[in-house]
Structure formats: C-alpha cells, structure tokens
Amino acid sequence: MATATSSVIDAFVDALAARDLAAAVDLYAPAAVFEPHVPGWDGITDDRDEIGAWLDDFFISCDGFRVVDHQIIREGDVAALRIVMRWRDANDGLPCLCFQSHFFDVDDERIRVHRMYCAGVRVTDVETPEGAN
C-alpha cells in the first residue's frame, strides 16, 4: 500500500504507464545512480542520457506495454516498488509478463538512487496444447 509521501514513485509509475520517457527521466536528481539487474546483464550509470536509453529499452519501447499492477511502500527517503507489466514481443508478437522490484533513495522528491531487479520476462505461447479439451 502506498503511503501519502510516495508521490515521486507514483509519478514514476504514472510515467511508465503513459510511456512518457521524458517525464520518467525528469524524476531523477542530477547525478542520480541507476543500477538495473536483469537476467544475463547488470549495469550502473549516473548519466541521464544512459538512464533514459535504458528505461526506454526496459519499458517504454515495448509493443503494447502496460502496467498491470503495482505496490509502493515508502518510509521517509527510501521506497520500494513492486510492479507487474505486460507487452507483446516486438519480434514474434508473443505476450510477455514481467515481475520487477525497484528500490529508491529519494532526496527532495527526486530519485537519487534507483536499483531495479527483474525476475525475468516470460513469453508464453497462447496456442492450446495438443490434446487439451
């Protein structure tokens, strides 16, 4: 459940849901650190252009991207976000489902540190298995 002071994280979720890359990047403080951890790749940057490019790759540019569910927990200047997202794979059109955890350090309602942990993306073939009723 979100607390009354989770506004910058709510704005982050809103920017993702709207696929508004500029709005998402504007939430980061100057020299903010973004540290994504995804299957097969980890990164870290404090470059706003690179943050924007990574956010675009992870969320914004996916075909039919949408936020399905999320939960924010915040205590002072730290916050956690659990988020579930769906989209279609750009190559084969199969549906994707992604579960992620995000942890934020916030300063003056700007994201100072953002750590993202992706449980992976599952692409599911929607065809009925042979022999199913």
N, C-alpha and C. Protein backbone atom coordinates (compact mmCIF):
# COMPACT_ATOMS: atom_id res chain seq x y z
N MET A 1 0.84 -1.17 0.00
CA MET A 1 0.00 0.00 0.00
C MET A 1 0.89 1.24 0.00
N ALA A 2 0.58 2.19 -0.83
CA ALA A 2 1.36 3.42 -0.92
C ALA A 2 1.07 4.31 0.27
N THR A 3 2.09 4.99 0.73
CA THR A 3 1.89 5.95 1.79
C THR A 3 1.62 7.31 1.16
N ALA A 4 1.21 8.28 1.96
CA ALA A 4 0.90 9.61 1.44
C ALA A 4 2.13 10.32 0.89
N THR A 5 3.31 9.86 1.25
CA THR A 5 4.53 10.53 0.81
C THR A 5 5.22 9.82 -0.34
N SER A 6 4.52 9.00 -1.09
CA SER A 6 5.16 8.25 -2.18
C SER A 6 5.05 8.96 -3.52
N SER A 7 4.82 10.26 -3.53
CA SER A 7 4.48 10.97 -4.77
C SER A 7 5.48 10.80 -5.90
N VAL A 8 6.78 10.87 -5.64
CA VAL A 8 7.74 10.75 -6.74
C VAL A 8 7.71 9.33 -7.33
N ILE A 9 7.46 8.34 -6.52
CA ILE A 9 7.40 6.97 -7.02
C ILE A 9 6.08 6.75 -7.76
N ASP A 10 4.99 7.33 -7.25
CA ASP A 10 3.73 7.30 -8.01
C ASP A 10 3.92 7.95 -9.37
N ALA A 11 4.62 9.07 -9.42
CA ALA A 11 4.89 9.75 -10.68
C ALA A 11 5.72 8.89 -11.61
N PHE A 12 6.66 8.12 -11.06
CA PHE A 12 7.47 7.21 -11.87
C PHE A 12 6.58 6.14 -12.51
N VAL A 13 5.70 5.53 -11.72
CA VAL A 13 4.78 4.52 -12.25
C VAL A 13 3.87 5.14 -13.31
N ASP A 14 3.35 6.33 -13.02
CA ASP A 14 2.48 7.02 -13.99
C ASP A 14 3.22 7.29 -15.30
N ALA A 15 4.49 7.69 -15.22
CA ALA A 15 5.28 7.97 -16.43
C ALA A 15 5.49 6.68 -17.22
N LEU A 16 5.76 5.57 -16.53
CA LEU A 16 5.91 4.30 -17.23
C LEU A 16 4.61 3.90 -17.91
N ALA A 17 3.51 3.98 -17.15
CA ALA A 17 2.21 3.59 -17.69
C ALA A 17 1.83 4.43 -18.91
N ALA A 18 2.21 5.70 -18.89
CA ALA A 18 1.92 6.60 -20.01
C ALA A 18 2.94 6.48 -21.12
N ARG A 19 3.99 5.69 -20.89
CA ARG A 19 5.10 5.54 -21.85
C ARG A 19 5.72 6.89 -22.15
N ASP A 20 5.88 7.69 -21.08
CA ASP A 20 6.41 9.05 -21.19
C ASP A 20 7.86 9.05 -20.67
N LEU A 21 8.79 8.81 -21.59
CA LEU A 21 10.19 8.71 -21.21
C LEU A 21 10.72 10.00 -20.60
N ALA A 22 10.39 11.15 -21.19
CA ALA A 22 10.88 12.44 -20.68
C ALA A 22 10.40 12.66 -19.24
N ALA A 23 9.14 12.34 -18.96
CA ALA A 23 8.61 12.51 -17.60
C ALA A 23 9.32 11.59 -16.62
N ALA A 24 9.61 10.36 -17.04
CA ALA A 24 10.32 9.43 -16.15
C ALA A 24 11.73 9.93 -15.84
N VAL A 25 12.46 10.35 -16.87
CA VAL A 25 13.84 10.82 -16.67
C VAL A 25 13.87 12.09 -15.83
N ASP A 26 12.88 12.96 -15.98
CA ASP A 26 12.83 14.20 -15.20
C ASP A 26 12.70 13.97 -13.70
N LEU A 27 12.31 12.77 -13.29
CA LEU A 27 12.16 12.47 -11.87
C LEU A 27 13.50 12.20 -11.17
N TYR A 28 14.57 12.02 -11.95
CA TYR A 28 15.88 11.73 -11.39
C TYR A 28 16.62 13.02 -11.04
N ALA A 29 17.27 13.02 -9.89
CA ALA A 29 18.11 14.15 -9.46
C ALA A 29 19.35 14.20 -10.34
N PRO A 30 20.00 15.36 -10.43
CA PRO A 30 21.29 15.41 -11.14
C PRO A 30 22.26 14.40 -10.53
N ALA A 31 22.99 13.70 -11.36
CA ALA A 31 23.97 12.69 -10.96
C ALA A 31 23.33 11.51 -10.23
N ALA A 32 22.04 11.28 -10.46
CA ALA A 32 21.37 10.10 -9.88
C ALA A 32 22.02 8.84 -10.41
N VAL A 33 21.97 7.79 -9.61
CA VAL A 33 22.54 6.50 -9.99
C VAL A 33 21.39 5.54 -10.31
N PHE A 34 21.49 4.89 -11.46
CA PHE A 34 20.53 3.86 -11.86
C PHE A 34 21.31 2.55 -11.99
N GLU A 35 20.86 1.53 -11.26
CA GLU A 35 21.56 0.25 -11.20
C GLU A 35 20.57 -0.88 -11.52
N PRO A 36 20.41 -1.21 -12.81
CA PRO A 36 19.50 -2.30 -13.17
C PRO A 36 20.18 -3.66 -13.11
N HIS A 37 19.42 -4.65 -12.66
CA HIS A 37 19.86 -6.03 -12.63
C HIS A 37 18.80 -6.85 -13.35
N VAL A 38 19.13 -7.35 -14.51
CA VAL A 38 18.21 -8.15 -15.31
C VAL A 38 18.90 -9.46 -15.65
N PRO A 39 18.14 -10.51 -15.96
CA PRO A 39 18.78 -11.79 -16.28
C PRO A 39 19.82 -11.64 -17.40
N GLY A 40 21.03 -12.06 -17.10
CA GLY A 40 22.10 -12.03 -18.08
C GLY A 40 22.80 -10.70 -18.24
N TRP A 41 22.41 -9.69 -17.46
CA TRP A 41 23.04 -8.38 -17.61
C TRP A 41 22.82 -7.53 -16.36
N ASP A 42 23.86 -6.85 -15.93
CA ASP A 42 23.80 -5.86 -14.86
C ASP A 42 24.44 -4.59 -15.37
N GLY A 43 24.01 -3.46 -14.83
CA GLY A 43 24.60 -2.20 -15.25
C GLY A 43 24.55 -1.19 -14.12
N ILE A 44 25.25 -0.10 -14.31
CA ILE A 44 25.19 1.02 -13.37
C ILE A 44 25.61 2.27 -14.14
N THR A 45 24.87 3.35 -13.92
CA THR A 45 25.21 4.61 -14.58
C THR A 45 24.70 5.78 -13.75
N ASP A 46 25.36 6.92 -13.93
CA ASP A 46 24.87 8.17 -13.38
C ASP A 46 24.70 9.20 -14.50
N ASP A 47 24.62 8.71 -15.74
CA ASP A 47 24.45 9.55 -16.91
C ASP A 47 22.96 9.58 -17.30
N ARG A 48 22.35 10.77 -17.29
CA ARG A 48 20.91 10.89 -17.56
C ARG A 48 20.53 10.35 -18.94
N ASP A 49 21.36 10.58 -19.95
CA ASP A 49 21.04 10.06 -21.28
C ASP A 49 21.02 8.53 -21.28
N GLU A 50 21.97 7.94 -20.56
CA GLU A 50 22.02 6.48 -20.48
C GLU A 50 20.84 5.95 -19.67
N ILE A 51 20.48 6.65 -18.58
CA ILE A 51 19.30 6.26 -17.81
C ILE A 51 18.09 6.24 -18.73
N GLY A 52 17.92 7.30 -19.52
CA GLY A 52 16.80 7.37 -20.44
C GLY A 52 16.81 6.25 -21.46
N ALA A 53 17.98 5.95 -22.01
CA ALA A 53 18.08 4.88 -23.00
C ALA A 53 17.74 3.52 -22.38
N TRP A 54 18.21 3.28 -21.16
CA TRP A 54 17.90 2.01 -20.51
C TRP A 54 16.43 1.92 -20.16
N LEU A 55 15.83 3.00 -19.64
CA LEU A 55 14.39 2.98 -19.35
C LEU A 55 13.60 2.72 -20.62
N ASP A 56 14.02 3.34 -21.71
CA ASP A 56 13.34 3.14 -22.99
C ASP A 56 13.42 1.67 -23.40
N ASP A 57 14.61 1.07 -23.28
CA ASP A 57 14.76 -0.35 -23.63
C ASP A 57 13.93 -1.25 -22.73
N PHE A 58 13.89 -0.96 -21.42
CA PHE A 58 13.21 -1.84 -20.48
C PHE A 58 11.70 -1.71 -20.52
N PHE A 59 11.18 -0.50 -20.71
CA PHE A 59 9.75 -0.29 -20.51
C PHE A 59 9.03 0.38 -21.66
N ILE A 60 9.54 1.47 -22.11
CA ILE A 60 8.77 2.38 -22.94
C ILE A 60 8.59 1.85 -24.37
N SER A 61 9.61 1.25 -24.95
CA SER A 61 9.55 0.89 -26.36
C SER A 61 8.90 -0.47 -26.63
N CYS A 62 8.42 -1.15 -25.62
CA CYS A 62 7.77 -2.45 -25.82
C CYS A 62 6.40 -2.26 -26.46
N ASP A 63 6.06 -3.12 -27.40
CA ASP A 63 4.80 -3.05 -28.12
C ASP A 63 3.64 -3.35 -27.17
N GLY A 64 2.73 -2.40 -27.00
CA GLY A 64 1.57 -2.61 -26.15
C GLY A 64 1.89 -2.63 -24.66
N PHE A 65 3.01 -2.03 -24.27
CA PHE A 65 3.43 -2.02 -22.86
C PHE A 65 2.34 -1.44 -21.97
N ARG A 66 2.10 -2.12 -20.84
CA ARG A 66 1.18 -1.57 -19.83
C ARG A 66 1.55 -2.08 -18.45
N VAL A 67 1.28 -1.24 -17.47
CA VAL A 67 1.45 -1.61 -16.06
C VAL A 67 0.17 -2.31 -15.64
N VAL A 68 0.30 -3.54 -15.15
CA VAL A 68 -0.86 -4.33 -14.76
C VAL A 68 -1.17 -4.12 -13.28
N ASP A 69 -0.12 -4.06 -12.46
CA ASP A 69 -0.31 -3.95 -11.01
C ASP A 69 0.96 -3.36 -10.41
N HIS A 70 0.81 -2.69 -9.30
CA HIS A 70 2.00 -2.21 -8.58
C HIS A 70 1.64 -1.94 -7.13
N GLN A 71 2.68 -1.92 -6.32
CA GLN A 71 2.55 -1.59 -4.90
C GLN A 71 3.78 -0.80 -4.50
N ILE A 72 3.56 0.29 -3.78
CA ILE A 72 4.65 1.14 -3.30
C ILE A 72 4.64 1.13 -1.78
N ILE A 73 5.82 0.95 -1.21
CA ILE A 73 5.99 1.09 0.24
C ILE A 73 7.09 2.12 0.44
N ARG A 74 6.79 3.12 1.26
CA ARG A 74 7.78 4.18 1.46
C ARG A 74 7.90 4.52 2.93
N GLU A 75 9.13 4.71 3.35
CA GLU A 75 9.44 5.14 4.71
C GLU A 75 10.48 6.25 4.59
N GLY A 76 10.07 7.47 4.79
CA GLY A 76 10.99 8.60 4.69
C GLY A 76 11.53 8.75 3.28
N ASP A 77 12.85 8.70 3.16
CA ASP A 77 13.51 8.90 1.87
C ASP A 77 13.87 7.61 1.14
N VAL A 78 13.31 6.49 1.57
CA VAL A 78 13.51 5.23 0.86
C VAL A 78 12.15 4.65 0.47
N ALA A 79 12.12 4.01 -0.70
CA ALA A 79 10.86 3.45 -1.19
C ALA A 79 11.14 2.16 -1.93
N ALA A 80 10.15 1.28 -1.90
CA ALA A 80 10.20 0.04 -2.67
C ALA A 80 8.97 0.01 -3.57
N LEU A 81 9.16 -0.49 -4.77
CA LEU A 81 8.09 -0.63 -5.75
C LEU A 81 8.09 -2.05 -6.27
N ARG A 82 6.95 -2.70 -6.17
CA ARG A 82 6.73 -3.99 -6.82
C ARG A 82 5.83 -3.68 -8.01
N ILE A 83 6.22 -4.14 -9.21
CA ILE A 83 5.47 -3.80 -10.40
C ILE A 83 5.35 -5.01 -11.32
N VAL A 84 4.18 -5.15 -11.93
CA VAL A 84 3.92 -6.20 -12.92
C VAL A 84 3.55 -5.50 -14.22
N MET A 85 4.20 -5.93 -15.31
CA MET A 85 3.98 -5.30 -16.61
C MET A 85 3.73 -6.35 -17.68
N ARG A 86 3.00 -5.96 -18.72
CA ARG A 86 2.73 -6.83 -19.87
C ARG A 86 3.01 -6.06 -21.15
N TRP A 87 3.38 -6.80 -22.19
CA TRP A 87 3.52 -6.26 -23.54
C TRP A 87 3.62 -7.42 -24.50
N ARG A 88 3.78 -7.11 -25.77
CA ARG A 88 3.99 -8.15 -26.79
C ARG A 88 5.42 -8.05 -27.30
N ASP A 89 6.05 -9.20 -27.51
CA ASP A 89 7.41 -9.24 -28.03
C ASP A 89 7.44 -8.59 -29.41
N ALA A 90 8.38 -7.69 -29.62
CA ALA A 90 8.47 -6.96 -30.88
C ALA A 90 8.81 -7.87 -32.06
N ASN A 91 9.48 -8.98 -31.80
CA ASN A 91 9.90 -9.87 -32.89
C ASN A 91 8.82 -10.86 -33.31
N ASP A 92 8.18 -11.52 -32.34
CA ASP A 92 7.23 -12.58 -32.71
C ASP A 92 5.80 -12.32 -32.24
N GLY A 93 5.58 -11.21 -31.52
CA GLY A 93 4.23 -10.86 -31.09
C GLY A 93 3.68 -11.65 -29.93
N LEU A 94 4.48 -12.54 -29.35
CA LEU A 94 4.00 -13.32 -28.21
C LEU A 94 3.86 -12.44 -26.96
N PRO A 95 2.89 -12.76 -26.10
CA PRO A 95 2.70 -11.96 -24.90
C PRO A 95 3.83 -12.14 -23.89
N CYS A 96 4.21 -11.05 -23.24
CA CYS A 96 5.27 -11.05 -22.22
C CYS A 96 4.68 -10.59 -20.90
N LEU A 97 5.18 -11.14 -19.82
CA LEU A 97 4.78 -10.78 -18.47
C LEU A 97 6.05 -10.64 -17.66
N CYS A 98 6.19 -9.52 -16.94
CA CYS A 98 7.42 -9.24 -16.22
C CYS A 98 7.10 -8.81 -14.79
N PHE A 99 7.84 -9.37 -13.85
CA PHE A 99 7.73 -9.01 -12.44
C PHE A 99 9.03 -8.34 -12.03
N GLN A 100 8.94 -7.16 -11.43
CA GLN A 100 10.15 -6.44 -11.02
C GLN A 100 10.00 -5.86 -9.63
N SER A 101 11.16 -5.69 -8.99
CA SER A 101 11.27 -4.97 -7.73
C SER A 101 12.20 -3.80 -7.95
N HIS A 102 11.82 -2.64 -7.44
CA HIS A 102 12.62 -1.42 -7.56
C HIS A 102 12.80 -0.85 -6.17
N PHE A 103 14.00 -0.34 -5.92
CA PHE A 103 14.31 0.29 -4.64
C PHE A 103 14.89 1.66 -4.92
N PHE A 104 14.38 2.66 -4.21
CA PHE A 104 14.74 4.04 -4.47
C PHE A 104 15.24 4.72 -3.21
N ASP A 105 16.26 5.56 -3.37
CA ASP A 105 16.63 6.56 -2.37
C ASP A 105 16.18 7.88 -2.97
N VAL A 106 15.42 8.65 -2.20
CA VAL A 106 14.81 9.88 -2.70
C VAL A 106 15.38 11.06 -1.92
N ASP A 107 15.63 12.15 -2.62
CA ASP A 107 16.10 13.38 -1.99
C ASP A 107 15.29 14.54 -2.55
N ASP A 108 14.55 15.23 -1.69
CA ASP A 108 13.74 16.38 -2.11
C ASP A 108 12.80 15.99 -3.26
N GLU A 109 12.16 14.83 -3.14
CA GLU A 109 11.22 14.29 -4.12
C GLU A 109 11.82 14.13 -5.52
N ARG A 110 13.10 13.80 -5.57
CA ARG A 110 13.78 13.42 -6.81
C ARG A 110 14.48 12.09 -6.53
N ILE A 111 14.53 11.23 -7.52
CA ILE A 111 15.19 9.93 -7.37
C ILE A 111 16.71 10.15 -7.38
N ARG A 112 17.35 9.74 -6.29
CA ARG A 112 18.81 9.87 -6.17
C ARG A 112 19.51 8.56 -6.52
N VAL A 113 18.95 7.44 -6.07
CA VAL A 113 19.46 6.10 -6.38
C VAL A 113 18.27 5.22 -6.73
N HIS A 114 18.40 4.46 -7.82
CA HIS A 114 17.34 3.56 -8.28
C HIS A 114 17.97 2.21 -8.61
N ARG A 115 17.59 1.19 -7.84
CA ARG A 115 18.05 -0.17 -8.10
C ARG A 115 16.86 -0.98 -8.58
N MET A 116 17.01 -1.63 -9.72
CA MET A 116 15.93 -2.40 -10.33
C MET A 116 16.35 -3.86 -10.42
N TYR A 117 15.47 -4.76 -10.00
CA TYR A 117 15.72 -6.19 -10.05
C TYR A 117 14.59 -6.84 -10.84
N CYS A 118 14.93 -7.45 -11.94
CA CYS A 118 13.95 -8.09 -12.82
C CYS A 118 13.97 -9.59 -12.59
N ALA A 119 12.80 -10.15 -12.34
CA ALA A 119 12.70 -11.60 -12.16
C ALA A 119 12.69 -12.31 -13.52
N GLY A 120 12.74 -11.54 -14.58
CA GLY A 120 12.75 -12.11 -15.91
C GLY A 120 11.44 -11.88 -16.62
N VAL A 121 11.47 -12.09 -17.88
CA VAL A 121 10.30 -11.93 -18.72
C VAL A 121 9.92 -13.31 -19.22
N ARG A 122 8.65 -13.63 -19.08
CA ARG A 122 8.17 -14.90 -19.59
C ARG A 122 7.35 -14.64 -20.84
N VAL A 123 7.73 -15.26 -21.91
CA VAL A 123 6.95 -15.19 -23.13
C VAL A 123 6.19 -16.50 -23.24
N THR A 124 4.89 -16.40 -23.37
CA THR A 124 4.04 -17.58 -23.36
C THR A 124 3.37 -17.74 -24.70
N ASP A 125 3.44 -18.91 -25.26
CA ASP A 125 2.73 -19.23 -26.49
C ASP A 125 1.27 -19.44 -26.10
N VAL A 126 0.37 -18.72 -26.73
CA VAL A 126 -1.04 -18.78 -26.34
C VAL A 126 -1.82 -19.88 -27.05
N GLU A 127 -1.16 -20.67 -27.90
CA GLU A 127 -1.86 -21.76 -28.57
C GLU A 127 -2.23 -22.83 -27.55
N THR A 128 -3.35 -23.48 -27.80
CA THR A 128 -3.82 -24.56 -26.93
C THR A 128 -2.93 -25.77 -27.14
N PRO A 129 -2.41 -26.36 -26.06
CA PRO A 129 -1.56 -27.54 -26.21
C PRO A 129 -2.33 -28.69 -26.88
N GLU A 130 -1.61 -29.48 -27.66
CA GLU A 130 -2.21 -30.59 -28.36
C GLU A 130 -2.81 -31.57 -27.34
N GLY A 131 -4.03 -32.02 -27.58
CA GLY A 131 -4.69 -32.96 -26.70
C GLY A 131 -5.49 -32.32 -25.58
N ALA A 132 -5.44 -30.96 -25.48
CA ALA A 132 -6.22 -30.28 -24.44
C ALA A 132 -7.67 -30.16 -24.88
N ASN A 133 -8.58 -30.21 -23.95
CA ASN A 133 -10.02 -30.05 -24.27
C ASN A 133 -10.40 -28.64 -24.48
